[in-house]
Amino acid sequence: KLVILTPSELVKLQKLATVLGPCRFVTELLGGETYVSCSVVLPALCHL
């Protein structure tokens, strides 16, 4: 009884995935442990 996504909704997801790409990069960047991450917070938020 699942609602299948329509082609127009898939196009919206494609655009949304493009916008969320930097968010994933920032999340992985701030969660690292082998490099300096504290000073990256403000530049990363400015980028977002």
ModelCIF file with pLDDT and N, C-alpha, C, O atoms, coordinates in Angstrom:
data_MODEL
#
_entry.id   MODEL 
#
_entity.id                         1 
_entity.type                       polymer 
_entity.pdbx_number_of_molecules   1 
#
_entity_poly.entity_id                      1 
_entity_poly.type                           'polypeptide(L)' 
_entity_poly.nstd_linkage                   no 
_entity_poly.nstd_monomer                   no 
_entity_poly.pdbx_seq_one_letter_code       KLVILTPSELVKLQKLATVLGPCRFVTELLGGETYVSCSVVLPALCHL 
_entity_poly.pdbx_seq_one_letter_code_can   KLVILTPSELVKLQKLATVLGPCRFVTELLGGETYVSCSVVLPALCHL 
_entity_poly.pdbx_strand_id                 A 
#
loop_
_entity_poly_seq.entity_id 
_entity_poly_seq.num 
_entity_poly_seq.mon_id 
_entity_poly_seq.hetero 
1 1  LYS n 
1 2  LEU n 
1 3  VAL n 
1 4  ILE n 
1 5  LEU n 
1 6  THR n 
1 7  PRO n 
1 8  SER n 
1 9  GLU n 
1 10 LEU n 
1 11 VAL n 
1 12 LYS n 
1 13 LEU n 
1 14 GLN n 
1 15 LYS n 
1 16 LEU n 
1 17 ALA n 
1 18 THR n 
1 19 VAL n 
1 20 LEU n 
1 21 GLY n 
1 22 PRO n 
1 23 CYS n 
1 24 ARG n 
1 25 PHE n 
1 26 VAL n 
1 27 THR n 
1 28 GLU n 
1 29 LEU n 
1 30 LEU n 
1 31 GLY n 
1 32 GLY n 
1 33 GLU n 
1 34 THR n 
1 35 TYR n 
1 36 VAL n 
1 37 SER n 
1 38 CYS n 
1 39 SER n 
1 40 VAL n 
1 41 VAL n 
1 42 LEU n 
1 43 PRO n 
1 44 ALA n 
1 45 LEU n 
1 46 CYS n 
1 47 HIS n 
1 48 LEU n 
#
_struct_asym.id          A 
_struct_asym.entity_id   1 
#
loop_
_ma_qa_metric.id 
_ma_qa_metric.mode 
_ma_qa_metric.name 
_ma_qa_metric.software_group_id 
_ma_qa_metric.type 
1 global pLDDT . pLDDT 
2 local  pLDDT . pLDDT 
#
_ma_qa_metric_global.metric_id      1 
_ma_qa_metric_global.metric_value   90.25 
_ma_qa_metric_global.model_id       1 
_ma_qa_metric_global.ordinal_id     1 
#
loop_
_ma_qa_metric_local.label_asym_id 
_ma_qa_metric_local.label_comp_id 
_ma_qa_metric_local.label_seq_id 
_ma_qa_metric_local.metric_id 
_ma_qa_metric_local.metric_value 
_ma_qa_metric_local.model_id 
_ma_qa_metric_local.ordinal_id 
A LYS 1  2 85.00 1 1  
A LEU 2  2 85.00 1 2  
A VAL 3  2 85.00 1 3  
A ILE 4  2 86.00 1 4  
A LEU 5  2 87.00 1 5  
A THR 6  2 89.00 1 6  
A PRO 7  2 89.00 1 7  
A SER 8  2 90.00 1 8  
A GLU 9  2 90.00 1 9  
A LEU 10 2 91.00 1 10 
A VAL 11 2 90.00 1 11 
A LYS 12 2 90.00 1 12 
A LEU 13 2 91.00 1 13 
A GLN 14 2 91.00 1 14 
A LYS 15 2 90.00 1 15 
A LEU 16 2 91.00 1 16 
A ALA 17 2 91.00 1 17 
A THR 18 2 90.00 1 18 
A VAL 19 2 90.00 1 19 
A LEU 20 2 91.00 1 20 
A GLY 21 2 91.00 1 21 
A PRO 22 2 91.00 1 22 
A CYS 23 2 91.00 1 23 
A ARG 24 2 90.00 1 24 
A PHE 25 2 91.00 1 25 
A VAL 26 2 92.00 1 26 
A THR 27 2 90.00 1 27 
A GLU 28 2 89.00 1 28 
A LEU 29 2 90.00 1 29 
A LEU 30 2 91.00 1 30 
A GLY 31 2 90.00 1 31 
A GLY 32 2 85.00 1 32 
A GLU 33 2 80.00 1 33 
A THR 34 2 82.00 1 34 
A TYR 35 2 89.00 1 35 
A VAL 36 2 91.00 1 36 
A SER 37 2 92.00 1 37 
A CYS 38 2 93.00 1 38 
A SER 39 2 95.00 1 39 
A VAL 40 2 95.00 1 40 
A VAL 41 2 95.00 1 41 
A LEU 42 2 95.00 1 42 
A PRO 43 2 95.00 1 43 
A ALA 44 2 94.00 1 44 
A LEU 45 2 94.00 1 45 
A CYS 46 2 93.00 1 46 
A HIS 47 2 93.00 1 47 
A LEU 48 2 93.00 1 48 
#
loop_
_atom_site.group_PDB 
_atom_site.id 
_atom_site.type_symbol 
_atom_site.label_atom_id 
_atom_site.label_alt_id 
_atom_site.label_comp_id 
_atom_site.label_asym_id 
_atom_site.label_entity_id 
_atom_site.label_seq_id 
_atom_site.pdbx_PDB_ins_code 
_atom_site.Cartn_x 
_atom_site.Cartn_y 
_atom_site.Cartn_z 
_atom_site.occupancy 
_atom_site.B_iso_or_equiv 
_atom_site.pdbx_formal_charge 
_atom_site.auth_seq_id 
_atom_site.auth_comp_id 
_atom_site.auth_asym_id 
_atom_site.auth_atom_id 
_atom_site.pdbx_PDB_model_num 
ATOM 1   N N  . LYS A 1 1  ? 0.824  -1.204 0.000   1.00 85.00 ? 1  LYS A N  1 
ATOM 2   C CA . LYS A 1 1  ? 0.000  0.000  0.000   1.00 85.00 ? 1  LYS A CA 1 
ATOM 3   C C  . LYS A 1 1  ? 0.861  1.258  0.000   1.00 85.00 ? 1  LYS A C  1 
ATOM 4   O O  . LYS A 1 1  ? 0.416  2.331  0.409   1.00 85.00 ? 1  LYS A O  1 
ATOM 5   N N  . LEU A 1 2  ? 2.083  1.112  -0.458  1.00 85.00 ? 2  LEU A N  1 
ATOM 6   C CA . LEU A 1 2  ? 2.989  2.253  -0.500  1.00 85.00 ? 2  LEU A CA 1 
ATOM 7   C C  . LEU A 1 2  ? 2.635  3.180  -1.656  1.00 85.00 ? 2  LEU A C  1 
ATOM 8   O O  . LEU A 1 2  ? 2.142  2.743  -2.696  1.00 85.00 ? 2  LEU A O  1 
ATOM 9   N N  . VAL A 1 3  ? 2.892  4.445  -1.455  1.00 85.00 ? 3  VAL A N  1 
ATOM 10  C CA . VAL A 1 3  ? 2.659  5.448  -2.493  1.00 85.00 ? 3  VAL A CA 1 
ATOM 11  C C  . VAL A 1 3  ? 3.942  5.596  -3.314  1.00 85.00 ? 3  VAL A C  1 
ATOM 12  O O  . VAL A 1 3  ? 4.972  6.013  -2.785  1.00 85.00 ? 3  VAL A O  1 
ATOM 13  N N  . ILE A 1 4  ? 3.882  5.261  -4.583  1.00 86.00 ? 4  ILE A N  1 
ATOM 14  C CA . ILE A 1 4  ? 5.048  5.334  -5.449  1.00 86.00 ? 4  ILE A CA 1 
ATOM 15  C C  . ILE A 1 4  ? 5.283  6.787  -5.869  1.00 86.00 ? 4  ILE A C  1 
ATOM 16  O O  . ILE A 1 4  ? 4.344  7.519  -6.181  1.00 86.00 ? 4  ILE A O  1 
ATOM 17  N N  . LEU A 1 5  ? 6.534  7.176  -5.870  1.00 87.00 ? 5  LEU A N  1 
ATOM 18  C CA . LEU A 1 5  ? 6.882  8.538  -6.269  1.00 87.00 ? 5  LEU A CA 1 
ATOM 19  C C  . LEU A 1 5  ? 6.613  8.743  -7.755  1.00 87.00 ? 5  LEU A C  1 
ATOM 20  O O  . LEU A 1 5  ? 6.861  7.865  -8.581  1.00 87.00 ? 5  LEU A O  1 
ATOM 21  N N  . THR A 1 6  ? 6.110  9.897  -8.059  1.00 89.00 ? 6  THR A N  1 
ATOM 22  C CA . THR A 1 6  ? 5.850  10.255 -9.449  1.00 89.00 ? 6  THR A CA 1 
ATOM 23  C C  . THR A 1 6  ? 7.130  10.786 -10.101 1.00 89.00 ? 6  THR A C  1 
ATOM 24  O O  . THR A 1 6  ? 8.068  11.155 -9.395  1.00 89.00 ? 6  THR A O  1 
ATOM 25  N N  . PRO A 1 7  ? 7.181  10.829 -11.441 1.00 89.00 ? 7  PRO A N  1 
ATOM 26  C CA . PRO A 1 7  ? 8.376  11.382 -12.108 1.00 89.00 ? 7  PRO A CA 1 
ATOM 27  C C  . PRO A 1 7  ? 8.691  12.813 -11.683 1.00 89.00 ? 7  PRO A C  1 
ATOM 28  O O  . PRO A 1 7  ? 9.861  13.174 -11.558 1.00 89.00 ? 7  PRO A O  1 
ATOM 29  N N  . SER A 1 8  ? 7.664  13.632 -11.458 1.00 90.00 ? 8  SER A N  1 
ATOM 30  C CA . SER A 1 8  ? 7.915  15.018 -11.022 1.00 90.00 ? 8  SER A CA 1 
ATOM 31  C C  . SER A 1 8  ? 8.515  15.050 -9.624  1.00 90.00 ? 8  SER A C  1 
ATOM 32  O O  . SER A 1 8  ? 9.365  15.893 -9.334  1.00 90.00 ? 8  SER A O  1 
ATOM 33  N N  . GLU A 1 9  ? 8.086  14.147 -8.759  1.00 90.00 ? 9  GLU A N  1 
ATOM 34  C CA . GLU A 1 9  ? 8.650  14.074 -7.409  1.00 90.00 ? 9  GLU A CA 1 
ATOM 35  C C  . GLU A 1 9  ? 10.087 13.586 -7.440  1.00 90.00 ? 9  GLU A C  1 
ATOM 36  O O  . GLU A 1 9  ? 10.904 14.018 -6.627  1.00 90.00 ? 9  GLU A O  1 
ATOM 37  N N  . LEU A 1 10 ? 10.404 12.700 -8.360  1.00 91.00 ? 10 LEU A N  1 
ATOM 38  C CA . LEU A 1 10 ? 11.790 12.242 -8.512  1.00 91.00 ? 10 LEU A CA 1 
ATOM 39  C C  . LEU A 1 10 ? 12.692 13.378 -8.979  1.00 91.00 ? 10 LEU A C  1 
ATOM 40  O O  . LEU A 1 10 ? 13.851 13.467 -8.573  1.00 91.00 ? 10 LEU A O  1 
ATOM 41  N N  . VAL A 1 11 ? 12.154 14.245 -9.835  1.00 90.00 ? 11 VAL A N  1 
ATOM 42  C CA . VAL A 1 11 ? 12.931 15.413 -10.267 1.00 90.00 ? 11 VAL A CA 1 
ATOM 43  C C  . VAL A 1 11 ? 13.193 16.344 -9.088  1.00 90.00 ? 11 VAL A C  1 
ATOM 44  O O  . VAL A 1 11 ? 14.285 16.899 -8.964  1.00 90.00 ? 11 VAL A O  1 
ATOM 45  N N  . LYS A 1 12 ? 12.199 16.514 -8.228  1.00 90.00 ? 12 LYS A N  1 
ATOM 46  C CA . LYS A 1 12 ? 12.384 17.341 -7.031  1.00 90.00 ? 12 LYS A CA 1 
ATOM 47  C C  . LYS A 1 12 ? 13.452 16.742 -6.113  1.00 90.00 ? 12 LYS A C  1 
ATOM 48  O O  . LYS A 1 12 ? 14.270 17.467 -5.549  1.00 90.00 ? 12 LYS A O  1 
ATOM 49  N N  . LEU A 1 13 ? 13.439 15.423 -5.969  1.00 91.00 ? 13 LEU A N  1 
ATOM 50  C CA . LEU A 1 13 ? 14.457 14.765 -5.147  1.00 91.00 ? 13 LEU A CA 1 
ATOM 51  C C  . LEU A 1 13 ? 15.846 14.948 -5.737  1.00 91.00 ? 13 LEU A C  1 
ATOM 52  O O  . LEU A 1 13 ? 16.822 15.106 -5.004  1.00 91.00 ? 13 LEU A O  1 
ATOM 53  N N  . GLN A 1 14 ? 15.933 14.925 -7.060  1.00 91.00 ? 14 GLN A N  1 
ATOM 54  C CA . GLN A 1 14 ? 17.234 15.125 -7.701  1.00 91.00 ? 14 GLN A CA 1 
ATOM 55  C C  . GLN A 1 14 ? 17.785 16.511 -7.395  1.00 91.00 ? 14 GLN A C  1 
ATOM 56  O O  . GLN A 1 14 ? 18.971 16.655 -7.098  1.00 91.00 ? 14 GLN A O  1 
ATOM 57  N N  . LYS A 1 15 ? 16.940 17.525 -7.465  1.00 90.00 ? 15 LYS A N  1 
ATOM 58  C CA . LYS A 1 15 ? 17.389 18.880 -7.138  1.00 90.00 ? 15 LYS A CA 1 
ATOM 59  C C  . LYS A 1 15 ? 17.703 19.008 -5.649  1.00 90.00 ? 15 LYS A C  1 
ATOM 60  O O  . LYS A 1 15 ? 18.644 19.700 -5.260  1.00 90.00 ? 15 LYS A O  1 
ATOM 61  N N  . LEU A 1 16 ? 16.913 18.339 -4.829  1.00 91.00 ? 16 LEU A N  1 
ATOM 62  C CA . LEU A 1 16 ? 17.150 18.391 -3.392  1.00 91.00 ? 16 LEU A CA 1 
ATOM 63  C C  . LEU A 1 16 ? 18.471 17.722 -3.030  1.00 91.00 ? 16 LEU A C  1 
ATOM 64  O O  . LEU A 1 16 ? 19.195 18.205 -2.159  1.00 91.00 ? 16 LEU A O  1 
ATOM 65  N N  . ALA A 1 17 ? 18.790 16.605 -3.699  1.00 91.00 ? 17 ALA A N  1 
ATOM 66  C CA . ALA A 1 17 ? 20.065 15.927 -3.439  1.00 91.00 ? 17 ALA A CA 1 
ATOM 67  C C  . ALA A 1 17 ? 21.247 16.820 -3.807  1.00 91.00 ? 17 ALA A C  1 
ATOM 68  O O  . ALA A 1 17 ? 22.283 16.794 -3.142  1.00 91.00 ? 17 ALA A O  1 
ATOM 69  N N  . THR A 1 18 ? 21.090 17.602 -4.858  1.00 90.00 ? 18 THR A N  1 
ATOM 70  C CA . THR A 1 18 ? 22.169 18.523 -5.257  1.00 90.00 ? 18 THR A CA 1 
ATOM 71  C C  . THR A 1 18 ? 22.396 19.597 -4.203  1.00 90.00 ? 18 THR A C  1 
ATOM 72  O O  . THR A 1 18 ? 23.535 19.951 -3.900  1.00 90.00 ? 18 THR A O  1 
ATOM 73  N N  . VAL A 1 19 ? 21.294 20.115 -3.642  1.00 90.00 ? 19 VAL A N  1 
ATOM 74  C CA . VAL A 1 19 ? 21.409 21.158 -2.618  1.00 90.00 ? 19 VAL A CA 1 
ATOM 75  C C  . VAL A 1 19 ? 21.965 20.593 -1.315  1.00 90.00 ? 19 VAL A C  1 
ATOM 76  O O  . VAL A 1 19 ? 22.709 21.277 -0.613  1.00 90.00 ? 19 VAL A O  1 
ATOM 77  N N  . LEU A 1 20 ? 21.613 19.356 -0.988  1.00 91.00 ? 20 LEU A N  1 
ATOM 78  C CA . LEU A 1 20 ? 22.056 18.752 0.270   1.00 91.00 ? 20 LEU A CA 1 
ATOM 79  C C  . LEU A 1 20 ? 23.482 18.204 0.189   1.00 91.00 ? 20 LEU A C  1 
ATOM 80  O O  . LEU A 1 20 ? 24.033 17.780 1.205   1.00 91.00 ? 20 LEU A O  1 
ATOM 81  N N  . GLY A 1 21 ? 24.081 18.204 -0.983  1.00 91.00 ? 21 GLY A N  1 
ATOM 82  C CA . GLY A 1 21 ? 25.457 17.715 -1.111  1.00 91.00 ? 21 GLY A CA 1 
ATOM 83  C C  . GLY A 1 21 ? 26.442 18.437 -0.190  1.00 91.00 ? 21 GLY A C  1 
ATOM 84  O O  . GLY A 1 21 ? 27.200 17.772 0.517   1.00 91.00 ? 21 GLY A O  1 
ATOM 85  N N  . PRO A 1 22 ? 26.460 19.785 -0.173  1.00 91.00 ? 22 PRO A N  1 
ATOM 86  C CA . PRO A 1 22 ? 27.357 20.488 0.755   1.00 91.00 ? 22 PRO A CA 1 
ATOM 87  C C  . PRO A 1 22 ? 27.077 20.184 2.221   1.00 91.00 ? 22 PRO A C  1 
ATOM 88  O O  . PRO A 1 22 ? 27.996 20.209 3.039   1.00 91.00 ? 22 PRO A O  1 
ATOM 89  N N  . CYS A 1 23 ? 25.834 19.901 2.565   1.00 91.00 ? 23 CYS A N  1 
ATOM 90  C CA . CYS A 1 23 ? 25.498 19.578 3.957   1.00 91.00 ? 23 CYS A CA 1 
ATOM 91  C C  . CYS A 1 23 ? 26.179 18.286 4.387   1.00 91.00 ? 23 CYS A C  1 
ATOM 92  O O  . CYS A 1 23 ? 26.692 18.184 5.502   1.00 91.00 ? 23 CYS A O  1 
ATOM 93  N N  . ARG A 1 24 ? 26.180 17.312 3.502   1.00 90.00 ? 24 ARG A N  1 
ATOM 94  C CA . ARG A 1 24 ? 26.854 16.053 3.824   1.00 90.00 ? 24 ARG A CA 1 
ATOM 95  C C  . ARG A 1 24 ? 28.358 16.270 3.959   1.00 90.00 ? 24 ARG A C  1 
ATOM 96  O O  . ARG A 1 24 ? 28.993 15.697 4.845   1.00 90.00 ? 24 ARG A O  1 
ATOM 97  N N  . PHE A 1 25 ? 28.921 17.088 3.091   1.00 91.00 ? 25 PHE A N  1 
ATOM 98  C CA . PHE A 1 25 ? 30.360 17.366 3.164   1.00 91.00 ? 25 PHE A CA 1 
ATOM 99  C C  . PHE A 1 25 ? 30.719 18.054 4.471   1.00 91.00 ? 25 PHE A C  1 
ATOM 100 O O  . PHE A 1 25 ? 31.715 17.700 5.101   1.00 91.00 ? 25 PHE A O  1 
ATOM 101 N N  . VAL A 1 26 ? 29.921 19.035 4.889   1.00 92.00 ? 26 VAL A N  1 
ATOM 102 C CA . VAL A 1 26 ? 30.183 19.747 6.138   1.00 92.00 ? 26 VAL A CA 1 
ATOM 103 C C  . VAL A 1 26 ? 30.020 18.827 7.337   1.00 92.00 ? 26 VAL A C  1 
ATOM 104 O O  . VAL A 1 26 ? 30.791 18.913 8.292   1.00 92.00 ? 26 VAL A O  1 
ATOM 105 N N  . THR A 1 27 ? 29.023 17.946 7.296   1.00 90.00 ? 27 THR A N  1 
ATOM 106 C CA . THR A 1 27 ? 28.804 17.004 8.396   1.00 90.00 ? 27 THR A CA 1 
ATOM 107 C C  . THR A 1 27 ? 30.005 16.095 8.580   1.00 90.00 ? 27 THR A C  1 
ATOM 108 O O  . THR A 1 27 ? 30.455 15.878 9.705   1.00 90.00 ? 27 THR A O  1 
ATOM 109 N N  . GLU A 1 28 ? 30.524 15.564 7.488   1.00 89.00 ? 28 GLU A N  1 
ATOM 110 C CA . GLU A 1 28 ? 31.701 14.696 7.575   1.00 89.00 ? 28 GLU A CA 1 
ATOM 111 C C  . GLU A 1 28 ? 32.945 15.485 7.978   1.00 89.00 ? 28 GLU A C  1 
ATOM 112 O O  . GLU A 1 28 ? 33.821 14.962 8.668   1.00 89.00 ? 28 GLU A O  1 
ATOM 113 N N  . LEU A 1 29 ? 33.020 16.734 7.550   1.00 90.00 ? 29 LEU A N  1 
ATOM 114 C CA . LEU A 1 29 ? 34.187 17.562 7.874   1.00 90.00 ? 29 LEU A CA 1 
ATOM 115 C C  . LEU A 1 29 ? 34.256 17.884 9.356   1.00 90.00 ? 29 LEU A C  1 
ATOM 116 O O  . LEU A 1 29 ? 35.324 17.794 9.963   1.00 90.00 ? 29 LEU A O  1 
ATOM 117 N N  . LEU A 1 30 ? 33.133 18.256 9.942   1.00 91.00 ? 30 LEU A N  1 
ATOM 118 C CA . LEU A 1 30 ? 33.112 18.637 11.353  1.00 91.00 ? 30 LEU A CA 1 
ATOM 119 C C  . LEU A 1 30 ? 33.173 17.426 12.276  1.00 91.00 ? 30 LEU A C  1 
ATOM 120 O O  . LEU A 1 30 ? 33.463 17.579 13.463  1.00 91.00 ? 30 LEU A O  1 
ATOM 121 N N  . GLY A 1 31 ? 32.911 16.239 11.769  1.00 90.00 ? 31 GLY A N  1 
ATOM 122 C CA . GLY A 1 31 ? 32.963 15.039 12.597  1.00 90.00 ? 31 GLY A CA 1 
ATOM 123 C C  . GLY A 1 31 ? 34.268 14.285 12.502  1.00 90.00 ? 31 GLY A C  1 
ATOM 124 O O  . GLY A 1 31 ? 34.376 13.174 13.020  1.00 90.00 ? 31 GLY A O  1 
ATOM 125 N N  . GLY A 1 32 ? 35.268 14.865 11.849  1.00 85.00 ? 32 GLY A N  1 
ATOM 126 C CA . GLY A 1 32 ? 36.554 14.187 11.693  1.00 85.00 ? 32 GLY A CA 1 
ATOM 127 C C  . GLY A 1 32 ? 37.369 14.210 12.969  1.00 85.00 ? 32 GLY A C  1 
ATOM 128 O O  . GLY A 1 32 ? 37.131 15.020 13.864  1.00 85.00 ? 32 GLY A O  1 
ATOM 129 N N  . GLU A 1 33 ? 38.328 13.311 13.036  1.00 80.00 ? 33 GLU A N  1 
ATOM 130 C CA . GLU A 1 33 ? 39.165 13.211 14.234  1.00 80.00 ? 33 GLU A CA 1 
ATOM 131 C C  . GLU A 1 33 ? 40.655 13.177 13.921  1.00 80.00 ? 33 GLU A C  1 
ATOM 132 O O  . GLU A 1 33 ? 41.473 13.136 14.840  1.00 80.00 ? 33 GLU A O  1 
ATOM 133 N N  . THR A 1 34 ? 41.021 13.194 12.651  1.00 82.00 ? 34 THR A N  1 
ATOM 134 C CA . THR A 1 34 ? 42.431 13.146 12.274  1.00 82.00 ? 34 THR A CA 1 
ATOM 135 C C  . THR A 1 34 ? 42.933 14.494 11.771  1.00 82.00 ? 34 THR A C  1 
ATOM 136 O O  . THR A 1 34 ? 44.035 14.578 11.230  1.00 82.00 ? 34 THR A O  1 
ATOM 137 N N  . TYR A 1 35 ? 42.138 15.550 11.943  1.00 89.00 ? 35 TYR A N  1 
ATOM 138 C CA . TYR A 1 35 ? 42.541 16.871 11.474  1.00 89.00 ? 35 TYR A CA 1 
ATOM 139 C C  . TYR A 1 35 ? 41.853 17.923 12.338  1.00 89.00 ? 35 TYR A C  1 
ATOM 140 O O  . TYR A 1 35 ? 40.938 17.614 13.102  1.00 89.00 ? 35 TYR A O  1 
ATOM 141 N N  . VAL A 1 36 ? 42.305 19.164 12.206  1.00 91.00 ? 36 VAL A N  1 
ATOM 142 C CA . VAL A 1 36 ? 41.738 20.272 12.968  1.00 91.00 ? 36 VAL A CA 1 
ATOM 143 C C  . VAL A 1 36 ? 40.343 20.592 12.429  1.00 91.00 ? 36 VAL A C  1 
ATOM 144 O O  . VAL A 1 36 ? 40.172 20.831 11.234  1.00 91.00 ? 36 VAL A O  1 
ATOM 145 N N  . SER A 1 37 ? 39.358 20.595 13.314  1.00 92.00 ? 37 SER A N  1 
ATOM 146 C CA . SER A 1 37 ? 37.975 20.821 12.880  1.00 92.00 ? 37 SER A CA 1 
ATOM 147 C C  . SER A 1 37 ? 37.324 22.032 13.536  1.00 92.00 ? 37 SER A C  1 
ATOM 148 O O  . SER A 1 37 ? 36.350 22.563 13.002  1.00 92.00 ? 37 SER A O  1 
ATOM 149 N N  . CYS A 1 38 ? 37.835 22.481 14.677  1.00 93.00 ? 38 CYS A N  1 
ATOM 150 C CA . CYS A 1 38 ? 37.187 23.575 15.401  1.00 93.00 ? 38 CYS A CA 1 
ATOM 151 C C  . CYS A 1 38 ? 37.198 24.871 14.599  1.00 93.00 ? 38 CYS A C  1 
ATOM 152 O O  . CYS A 1 38 ? 36.205 25.597 14.583  1.00 93.00 ? 38 CYS A O  1 
ATOM 153 N N  . SER A 1 39 ? 38.296 25.161 13.944  1.00 95.00 ? 39 SER A N  1 
ATOM 154 C CA . SER A 1 39 ? 38.399 26.409 13.193  1.00 95.00 ? 39 SER A CA 1 
ATOM 155 C C  . SER A 1 39 ? 37.647 26.379 11.871  1.00 95.00 ? 39 SER A C  1 
ATOM 156 O O  . SER A 1 39 ? 37.557 27.399 11.187  1.00 95.00 ? 39 SER A O  1 
ATOM 157 N N  . VAL A 1 40 ? 37.111 25.233 11.507  1.00 95.00 ? 40 VAL A N  1 
ATOM 158 C CA . VAL A 1 40 ? 36.390 25.098 10.240  1.00 95.00 ? 40 VAL A CA 1 
ATOM 159 C C  . VAL A 1 40 ? 34.904 25.392 10.411  1.00 95.00 ? 40 VAL A C  1 
ATOM 160 O O  . VAL A 1 40 ? 34.183 25.514 9.421   1.00 95.00 ? 40 VAL A O  1 
ATOM 161 N N  . VAL A 1 41 ? 34.437 25.507 11.650  1.00 95.00 ? 41 VAL A N  1 
ATOM 162 C CA . VAL A 1 41 ? 32.998 25.640 11.903  1.00 95.00 ? 41 VAL A CA 1 
ATOM 163 C C  . VAL A 1 41 ? 32.436 26.890 11.243  1.00 95.00 ? 41 VAL A C  1 
ATOM 164 O O  . VAL A 1 41 ? 31.482 26.798 10.470  1.00 95.00 ? 41 VAL A O  1 
ATOM 165 N N  . LEU A 1 42 ? 32.999 28.045 11.526  1.00 95.00 ? 42 LEU A N  1 
ATOM 166 C CA . LEU A 1 42 ? 32.468 29.290 10.972  1.00 95.00 ? 42 LEU A CA 1 
ATOM 167 C C  . LEU A 1 42 ? 32.586 29.358 9.452   1.00 95.00 ? 42 LEU A C  1 
ATOM 168 O O  . LEU A 1 42 ? 31.619 29.758 8.803   1.00 95.00 ? 42 LEU A O  1 
ATOM 169 N N  . PRO A 1 43 ? 33.730 28.984 8.841   1.00 95.00 ? 43 PRO A N  1 
ATOM 170 C CA . PRO A 1 43 ? 33.761 28.947 7.370   1.00 95.00 ? 43 PRO A CA 1 
ATOM 171 C C  . PRO A 1 43 ? 32.766 27.961 6.777   1.00 95.00 ? 43 PRO A C  1 
ATOM 172 O O  . PRO A 1 43 ? 32.179 28.230 5.729   1.00 95.00 ? 43 PRO A O  1 
ATOM 173 N N  . ALA A 1 44 ? 32.568 26.811 7.441   1.00 94.00 ? 44 ALA A N  1 
ATOM 174 C CA . ALA A 1 44 ? 31.617 25.826 6.925   1.00 94.00 ? 44 ALA A CA 1 
ATOM 175 C C  . ALA A 1 44 ? 30.186 26.348 6.992   1.00 94.00 ? 44 ALA A C  1 
ATOM 176 O O  . ALA A 1 44 ? 29.417 26.171 6.048   1.00 94.00 ? 44 ALA A O  1 
ATOM 177 N N  . LEU A 1 45 ? 29.824 26.988 8.099   1.00 94.00 ? 45 LEU A N  1 
ATOM 178 C CA . LEU A 1 45 ? 28.482 27.550 8.221   1.00 94.00 ? 45 LEU A CA 1 
ATOM 179 C C  . LEU A 1 45 ? 28.262 28.692 7.228   1.00 94.00 ? 45 LEU A C  1 
ATOM 180 O O  . LEU A 1 45 ? 27.165 28.855 6.694   1.00 94.00 ? 45 LEU A O  1 
ATOM 181 N N  . CYS A 1 46 ? 29.297 29.467 6.990   1.00 93.00 ? 46 CYS A N  1 
ATOM 182 C CA . CYS A 1 46 ? 29.201 30.539 5.994   1.00 93.00 ? 46 CYS A CA 1 
ATOM 183 C C  . CYS A 1 46 ? 28.981 29.944 4.603   1.00 93.00 ? 46 CYS A C  1 
ATOM 184 O O  . CYS A 1 46 ? 28.219 30.486 3.803   1.00 93.00 ? 46 CYS A O  1 
ATOM 185 N N  . HIS A 1 47 ? 29.653 28.825 4.321   1.00 93.00 ? 47 HIS A N  1 
ATOM 186 C CA . HIS A 1 47 ? 29.475 28.149 3.032   1.00 93.00 ? 47 HIS A CA 1 
ATOM 187 C C  . HIS A 1 47 ? 28.049 27.620 2.880   1.00 93.00 ? 47 HIS A C  1 
ATOM 188 O O  . HIS A 1 47 ? 27.459 27.710 1.803   1.00 93.00 ? 47 HIS A O  1 
ATOM 189 N N  . LEU A 1 48 ? 27.504 27.071 3.957   1.00 93.00 ? 48 LEU A N  1 
ATOM 190 C CA . LEU A 1 48 ? 26.132 26.569 3.905   1.00 93.00 ? 48 LEU A CA 1 
ATOM 191 C C  . LEU A 1 48 ? 25.128 27.704 3.687   1.00 93.00 ? 48 LEU A C  1 
ATOM 192 O O  . LEU A 1 48 ? 23.924 27.459 3.618   1.00 93.00 ? 48 LEU A O  1 
#
